[in-house]
C-alpha cells in the first residue's frame, strides 16, 4: 500500500483570476477543471487545487505556497511588469535560499525560491 500523489486545496473567490496567476504567470499546467474547482500539476510531483466553495483563509503569513525554480529573478521581473507588487529577492542565510514573496489574487502568500546548496 502506498500514496500515489497529493493535492493541496485552497479556497478562492475567482477561478479565472486564479487561472491567470497559476497557469499564465507561474506556468502550471491545468490538470483538471471540475467546474467549481481547478487542479494544477506542479512539476516534479504534487498538485494544487482551488475551489470557489471553500473559504479563503489567507492570513498575513500563512499559508505559504512555495514554488522552486532556478529562475527567481526572471519571475520577479515578470511580477514587476504585471504590477503584482512582489518584495525584492533576497538571500536567506538561515535556510540557504534565494527567494521573494508575492500574493495571489486571494491574498495567499506565494514564495518563489531556489536552494543555494
Protein backbone atom coordinates (compact mmCIF):
# COMPACT_ATOMS: atom_id res chain seq x y z
CA UNK A 1 0.00 0.00 0.00
CA UNK A 2 1.35 3.46 -0.95
CA UNK A 3 0.32 7.05 -1.60
CA UNK A 4 0.27 7.86 -5.33
CA UNK A 5 0.12 11.66 -5.18
CA UNK A 6 -1.11 14.71 -3.35
CA UNK A 7 -3.33 17.74 -3.89
CA UNK A 8 -3.23 20.79 -1.62
CA UNK A 9 -6.59 22.64 -1.80
CA UNK A 10 -7.19 26.31 -1.06
CA UNK A 11 -10.33 28.41 -1.25
CA UNK A 12 -10.66 31.13 -3.86
CA UNK A 13 -13.08 33.84 -4.97
CA UNK A 14 -12.50 33.62 -8.74
CA UNK A 15 -11.20 30.63 -10.67
CA UNK A 16 -10.50 32.91 -13.64
CA UNK A 17 -8.16 35.16 -11.61
CA UNK A 18 -6.55 32.08 -10.06
CA UNK A 19 -6.01 30.68 -13.57
CA UNK A 20 -4.32 33.91 -14.69
CA UNK A 21 -1.92 33.66 -11.75
CA UNK A 22 -1.14 29.93 -11.52
CA UNK A 23 -1.36 28.97 -15.21
CA UNK A 24 -0.49 32.17 -17.06
CA UNK A 25 2.02 33.73 -14.62
CA UNK A 26 3.61 30.66 -13.00
CA UNK A 27 3.14 28.32 -15.97
CA UNK A 28 1.45 25.46 -14.11
CA UNK A 29 -0.50 23.04 -16.26
CA UNK A 30 -4.24 22.71 -15.63
CA UNK A 31 -4.74 19.06 -14.66
CA UNK A 32 -8.50 19.05 -14.17
CA UNK A 33 -11.34 21.56 -14.30
CA UNK A 34 -14.15 20.33 -12.04
CA UNK A 35 -16.42 23.31 -12.52
CA UNK A 36 -16.13 24.97 -9.11
CA UNK A 37 -12.57 23.63 -8.58
CA UNK A 38 -9.46 23.65 -10.72
CA UNK A 39 -6.42 21.47 -10.08
CA UNK A 40 -2.96 22.35 -11.38
CA UNK A 41 0.01 19.99 -11.77
CA UNK A 42 3.19 21.06 -10.03
CA UNK A 43 6.35 19.97 -11.85
CA UNK A 44 8.26 17.19 -10.03
CA UNK A 45 5.10 15.99 -8.32
CA UNK A 46 2.04 17.03 -6.41
CA UNK A 47 -0.85 19.26 -7.33
CA UNK A 48 -2.50 22.39 -6.05
CA UNK A 49 -6.23 22.93 -6.29
CA UNK A 50 -8.52 25.91 -5.82
CA UNK A 51 -12.24 25.75 -5.07
CA UNK A 52 -14.78 28.56 -5.06
CA UNK A 53 -16.90 26.74 -2.45
CA UNK A 54 -14.08 26.67 0.13
CA UNK A 55 -13.47 29.70 2.35
CA UNK A 56 -10.42 31.81 1.64
CA UNK A 57 -8.20 31.56 4.73
CA UNK A 58 -5.29 33.75 3.64
CA UNK A 59 -3.52 35.28 6.61
CA UNK A 60 -0.65 37.72 6.77
CA UNK A 61 1.98 34.97 6.99
CA UNK A 62 0.24 31.68 6.20
CA UNK A 63 -0.35 29.60 4.35
CA UNK A 64 2.79 29.91 2.25
CA UNK A 65 2.77 28.17 -1.13
CA UNK A 66 6.38 27.78 -2.28
CA UNK A 67 7.48 27.04 -5.83
CA UNK A 68 11.06 26.04 -6.61
CA UNK A 69 12.89 27.38 -9.67
CA UNK A 70 16.34 28.38 -10.83
CA UNK A 71 14.72 31.47 -12.42
CA UNK A 72 13.83 33.50 -9.32
CA UNK A 73 14.96 36.79 -10.87
CA UNK A 74 13.03 36.12 -14.09
CA UNK A 75 9.80 35.51 -12.15
CA UNK A 76 10.49 38.64 -10.09
CA UNK A 77 10.89 40.78 -13.23
CA UNK A 78 7.71 39.29 -14.72
CA UNK A 79 5.80 40.00 -11.47
CA UNK A 80 7.06 43.62 -11.56
CA UNK A 81 5.95 44.03 -15.20
CA UNK A 82 2.50 42.71 -14.25
CA UNK A 83 2.35 45.08 -11.25
CA UNK A 84 1.96 42.24 -8.73
CA UNK A 85 3.92 44.10 -6.01
CA UNK A 86 6.46 41.39 -5.19
CA UNK A 87 9.02 42.05 -2.50
CA UNK A 88 12.63 42.23 -3.69
CA UNK A 89 14.50 38.89 -3.96
CA UNK A 90 17.00 38.24 -1.19
CA UNK A 91 19.26 35.59 0.26
CA UNK A 92 18.08 33.94 3.47
CA UNK A 93 21.30 32.69 5.05
CA UNK A 94 19.48 30.75 7.77
CA UNK A 95 17.72 28.46 5.29
CA UNK A 96 20.24 28.70 2.44
CA UNK A 97 17.75 30.04 -0.10
CA UNK A 98 17.30 32.89 -2.57
CA UNK A 99 13.65 33.96 -2.76
CA UNK A 100 10.89 36.54 -2.90
CA UNK A 101 7.24 36.69 -1.89
CA UNK A 102 4.11 37.96 -3.59
CA UNK A 103 0.38 37.39 -3.14
CA UNK A 104 -2.01 35.52 -5.39
CA UNK A 105 -5.42 37.06 -6.27
CA UNK A 106 -6.92 35.82 -2.98
CA UNK A 107 -4.09 37.01 -0.78
CA UNK A 108 -2.33 33.67 -0.33
CA UNK A 109 1.37 34.20 0.27
CA UNK A 110 3.38 32.72 -2.63
CA UNK A 111 7.13 32.24 -2.40
CA UNK A 112 9.39 31.80 -5.41
CA UNK A 113 12.70 30.30 -4.30
CA UNK A 114 15.77 28.32 -5.10
CA UNK A 115 18.07 26.40 -2.76
CA UNK A 116 21.62 27.72 -2.71
CA UNK A 117 23.31 24.47 -1.68
